[in-house]
Each structure stands twice: as C-alpha cells, then as structure tokens.
Amino acid sequence: MHKANVNYGDDPGPITSARQAAEALFAPKPEAEEQPLSGPGQPVVPRRPRVLPALSPAAIRRESIDMTAPPKQLAAPDIPAKKSAHVRTLLKYGMTASQVAEVYGVPVETIARILRKV
C-alpha cells in the first residue's frame, strides 16, 4: 500500500517549497539584452573574444650526454633450462631471435646457444 501524497500534518511548507523549486527550474530564462546595432553617430564597441589565447610552447630541455665513457658491461643473466622450451616455442611461432633476446633481457648469442643444445 503506497501513498503518493505524504501528509505532513497541517504544515504545507515542504510541498510548497518543493513546488517553487521545480517551477524555478522550468521557468523561462530571461533573455540577455542584446546591444542594438550602433548608429552612424555612435562609437563601435569591440566584442571580447570568446576563445582562450594560445599559450607559447614550453621550452625544450636538452641534456648533454658524455659519450667518452665506455658503456658498462653487465653480466648477462642466464635463461633457466626449464625456459628453453618456451624460447623455442616463441621462435617457432614467428618471433626473431633478437626479439626473444629482448624479452628475456639477454644477448642474442644466449638464444643461439639455447637453440644449439637440441
């Protein structure tokens, strides 16, 4: 049993304020007063543009790199024996040896060594 109108006793305040709020939402908006076209003797007032000005691009920072230092040779991690089947599968399905080496983070020679161990 659902009542659509809830009776708040003798106080019509909540219903009246809700009705006024709803009427205010759907009331016609007051039209903005348009400036009439200027006559021949009146000065022309320029309109403000409605677009934001373009910002200047940020400056590009360039860092110099010291190329005289030799690259550090890190010991290449070894691929575990149980992953060699996975390496072969990747190669069988179309990856190149260099792509597989990049996935595992090892040199290409390591992949070639795994392939020779057949």
C-alpha atoms as a PDB file:
ATOM      1  CA  MET A   1       0.000   0.000   0.000  1.00  0.00           C
ATOM      2  CA  HIS A   2       1.831   3.051  -1.293  1.00  0.00           C
ATOM      3  CA  LYS A   3       0.606   6.573  -0.786  1.00  0.00           C
ATOM      4  CA  ALA A   4       1.615   9.032  -3.447  1.00  0.00           C
ATOM      5  CA  ASN A   5       0.862  12.081  -1.329  1.00  0.00           C
ATOM      6  CA  VAL A   6       2.505  12.048   2.050  1.00  0.00           C
ATOM      7  CA  ASN A   7       0.638  14.116   4.587  1.00  0.00           C
ATOM      8  CA  TYR A   8       2.879  16.185   6.823  1.00  0.00           C
ATOM      9  CA  GLY A   9       0.024  17.297   9.020  1.00  0.00           C
ATOM     10  CA  ASP A  10      -1.128  20.855   8.745  1.00  0.00           C
ATOM     11  CA  ASP A  11       2.299  22.161   7.535  1.00  0.00           C
ATOM     12  CA  PRO A  12       2.224  22.687   3.710  1.00  0.00           C
ATOM     13  CA  GLY A  13       5.789  24.083   3.834  1.00  0.00           C
ATOM     14  CA  PRO A  14       7.767  21.170   2.335  1.00  0.00           C
ATOM     15  CA  ILE A  15       5.336  20.712  -0.547  1.00  0.00           C
ATOM     16  CA  THR A  16       5.222  24.436  -1.307  1.00  0.00           C
ATOM     17  CA  SER A  17       9.000  24.835  -1.269  1.00  0.00           C
ATOM     18  CA  ALA A  18       9.447  21.767  -3.485  1.00  0.00           C
ATOM     19  CA  ARG A  19       6.868  23.099  -5.936  1.00  0.00           C
ATOM     20  CA  GLN A  20       8.576  26.506  -6.017  1.00  0.00           C
ATOM     21  CA  ALA A  21      11.959  24.885  -6.632  1.00  0.00           C
ATOM     22  CA  ALA A  22      10.533  22.822  -9.504  1.00  0.00           C
ATOM     23  CA  GLU A  23       8.834  25.847 -11.039  1.00  0.00           C
ATOM     24  CA  ALA A  24      12.085  27.793 -10.813  1.00  0.00           C
ATOM     25  CA  LEU A  25      13.879  25.026 -12.725  1.00  0.00           C
ATOM     26  CA  PHE A  26      11.421  25.074 -15.594  1.00  0.00           C
ATOM     27  CA  ALA A  27      10.704  28.800 -15.689  1.00  0.00           C
ATOM     28  CA  PRO A  28      11.678  30.550 -18.923  1.00  0.00           C
ATOM     29  CA  LYS A  29      15.110  32.069 -18.790  1.00  0.00           C
ATOM     30  CA  PRO A  30      15.326  35.846 -19.068  1.00  0.00           C
ATOM     31  CA  GLU A  31      16.717  36.748 -22.443  1.00  0.00           C
ATOM     32  CA  ALA A  32      20.035  38.531 -22.457  1.00  0.00           C
ATOM     33  CA  GLU A  33      19.760  42.081 -23.570  1.00  0.00           C
ATOM     34  CA  GLU A  34      21.372  42.407 -26.936  1.00  0.00           C
ATOM     35  CA  GLN A  35      23.149  45.626 -27.732  1.00  0.00           C
ATOM     36  CA  PRO A  36      21.430  47.281 -30.639  1.00  0.00           C
ATOM     37  CA  LEU A  37      23.479  47.872 -33.721  1.00  0.00           C
ATOM     38  CA  SER A  38      25.350  51.091 -33.392  1.00  0.00           C
ATOM     39  CA  GLY A  39      24.001  54.011 -35.270  1.00  0.00           C
ATOM     40  CA  PRO A  40      26.052  56.162 -37.566  1.00  0.00           C
ATOM     41  CA  GLY A  41      26.969  58.625 -34.803  1.00  0.00           C
ATOM     42  CA  GLN A  42      27.711  56.095 -32.047  1.00  0.00           C
ATOM     43  CA  PRO A  43      31.164  54.576 -31.493  1.00  0.00           C
ATOM     44  CA  VAL A  44      31.542  50.861 -32.140  1.00  0.00           C
ATOM     45  CA  VAL A  45      32.274  48.852 -29.001  1.00  0.00           C
ATOM     46  CA  PRO A  46      34.509  45.869 -29.810  1.00  0.00           C
ATOM     47  CA  ARG A  47      33.370  42.497 -28.536  1.00  0.00           C
ATOM     48  CA  ARG A  48      35.616  40.421 -26.318  1.00  0.00           C
ATOM     49  CA  PRO A  49      36.729  37.193 -27.989  1.00  0.00           C
ATOM     50  CA  ARG A  50      35.255  34.003 -26.536  1.00  0.00           C
ATOM     51  CA  VAL A  51      38.338  31.885 -27.119  1.00  0.00           C
ATOM     52  CA  LEU A  52      41.313  31.449 -24.855  1.00  0.00           C
ATOM     53  CA  PRO A  53      44.621  32.781 -26.102  1.00  0.00           C
ATOM     54  CA  ALA A  54      47.128  30.183 -27.307  1.00  0.00           C
ATOM     55  CA  LEU A  55      49.956  29.541 -24.904  1.00  0.00           C
ATOM     56  CA  SER A  56      53.518  29.534 -26.116  1.00  0.00           C
ATOM     57  CA  PRO A  57      55.061  26.052 -26.268  1.00  0.00           C
ATOM     58  CA  ALA A  58      57.237  25.003 -23.354  1.00  0.00           C
ATOM     59  CA  ALA A  59      60.951  25.252 -23.859  1.00  0.00           C
ATOM     60  CA  ILE A  60      62.680  22.004 -24.791  1.00  0.00           C
ATOM     61  CA  ARG A  61      65.348  20.981 -22.347  1.00  0.00           C
ATOM     62  CA  ARG A  62      68.363  19.392 -23.900  1.00  0.00           C
ATOM     63  CA  GLU A  63      70.748  17.371 -21.800  1.00  0.00           C
ATOM     64  CA  SER A  64      74.265  16.697 -22.911  1.00  0.00           C
ATOM     65  CA  ILE A  65      75.480  13.122 -22.653  1.00  0.00           C
ATOM     66  CA  ASP A  66      79.099  12.276 -22.033  1.00  0.00           C
ATOM     67  CA  MET A  67      79.933   9.853 -24.849  1.00  0.00           C
ATOM     68  CA  THR A  68      83.561   9.396 -23.835  1.00  0.00           C
ATOM     69  CA  ALA A  69      82.755   6.953 -21.023  1.00  0.00           C
ATOM     70  CA  PRO A  70      82.689   3.338 -22.210  1.00  0.00           C
ATOM     71  CA  PRO A  71      79.383   1.515 -21.759  1.00  0.00           C
ATOM     72  CA  LYS A  72      79.302  -0.688 -18.702  1.00  0.00           C
ATOM     73  CA  GLN A  73      79.336  -4.375 -19.469  1.00  0.00           C
ATOM     74  CA  LEU A  74      76.895  -6.103 -17.203  1.00  0.00           C
ATOM     75  CA  ALA A  75      76.924  -9.848 -16.801  1.00  0.00           C
ATOM     76  CA  ALA A  76      74.141 -11.221 -18.985  1.00  0.00           C
ATOM     77  CA  PRO A  77      71.578 -13.153 -16.987  1.00  0.00           C
ATOM     78  CA  ASP A  78      71.231 -16.758 -17.976  1.00  0.00           C
ATOM     79  CA  ILE A  79      67.921 -18.258 -19.050  1.00  0.00           C
ATOM     80  CA  PRO A  80      66.942 -21.226 -16.853  1.00  0.00           C
ATOM     81  CA  ALA A  81      66.903 -24.625 -18.547  1.00  0.00           C
ATOM     82  CA  LYS A  82      63.167 -25.032 -17.997  1.00  0.00           C
ATOM     83  CA  LYS A  83      62.540 -21.845 -20.039  1.00  0.00           C
ATOM     84  CA  SER A  84      64.398 -23.165 -23.104  1.00  0.00           C
ATOM     85  CA  ALA A  85      61.214 -24.872 -24.361  1.00  0.00           C
ATOM     86  CA  HIS A  86      59.420 -21.546 -24.073  1.00  0.00           C
ATOM     87  CA  VAL A  87      62.173 -19.855 -26.069  1.00  0.00           C
ATOM     88  CA  ARG A  88      61.897 -22.473 -28.813  1.00  0.00           C
ATOM     89  CA  THR A  89      58.104 -22.044 -28.900  1.00  0.00           C
ATOM     90  CA  LEU A  90      58.407 -18.279 -29.285  1.00  0.00           C
ATOM     91  CA  LEU A  91      60.823 -18.775 -32.169  1.00  0.00           C
ATOM     92  CA  LYS A  92      58.580 -21.417 -33.767  1.00  0.00           C
ATOM     93  CA  TYR A  93      55.578 -19.076 -33.755  1.00  0.00           C
ATOM     94  CA  GLY A  94      57.307 -16.204 -35.503  1.00  0.00           C
ATOM     95  CA  MET A  95      59.468 -14.194 -33.134  1.00  0.00           C
ATOM     96  CA  THR A  96      63.023 -13.499 -34.205  1.00  0.00           C
ATOM     97  CA  ALA A  97      65.998 -14.389 -32.038  1.00  0.00           C
ATOM     98  CA  SER A  98      66.631 -10.703 -31.334  1.00  0.00           C
ATOM     99  CA  GLN A  99      63.020 -10.207 -30.201  1.00  0.00           C
ATOM    100  CA  VAL A 100      63.233 -13.196 -27.839  1.00  0.00           C
ATOM    101  CA  ALA A 101      66.563 -11.905 -26.519  1.00  0.00           C
ATOM    102  CA  GLU A 102      64.923  -8.539 -25.840  1.00  0.00           C
ATOM    103  CA  VAL A 103      62.046 -10.213 -23.965  1.00  0.00           C
ATOM    104  CA  TYR A 104      64.438 -12.101 -21.691  1.00  0.00           C
ATOM    105  CA  GLY A 105      66.984  -9.263 -21.480  1.00  0.00           C
ATOM    106  CA  VAL A 106      69.883 -11.380 -22.747  1.00  0.00           C
ATOM    107  CA  PRO A 107      72.204 -11.086 -25.737  1.00  0.00           C
ATOM    108  CA  VAL A 108      71.247 -12.823 -28.985  1.00  0.00           C
ATOM    109  CA  GLU A 109      74.192 -15.217 -28.546  1.00  0.00           C
ATOM    110  CA  THR A 110      72.469 -16.696 -25.485  1.00  0.00           C
ATOM    111  CA  ILE A 111      69.387 -17.507 -27.561  1.00  0.00           C
ATOM    112  CA  ALA A 112      71.574 -19.042 -30.266  1.00  0.00           C
ATOM    113  CA  ARG A 113      73.315 -21.184 -27.626  1.00  0.00           C
ATOM    114  CA  ILE A 114      69.928 -22.464 -26.391  1.00  0.00           C
ATOM    115  CA  LEU A 115      68.970 -23.417 -29.938  1.00  0.00           C
ATOM    116  CA  ARG A 116      72.197 -25.396 -30.426  1.00  0.00           C
ATOM    117  CA  LYS A 117      71.500 -27.507 -27.298  1.00  0.00           C
ATOM    118  CA  VAL A 118      68.831 -29.562 -29.084  1.00  0.00           C
END
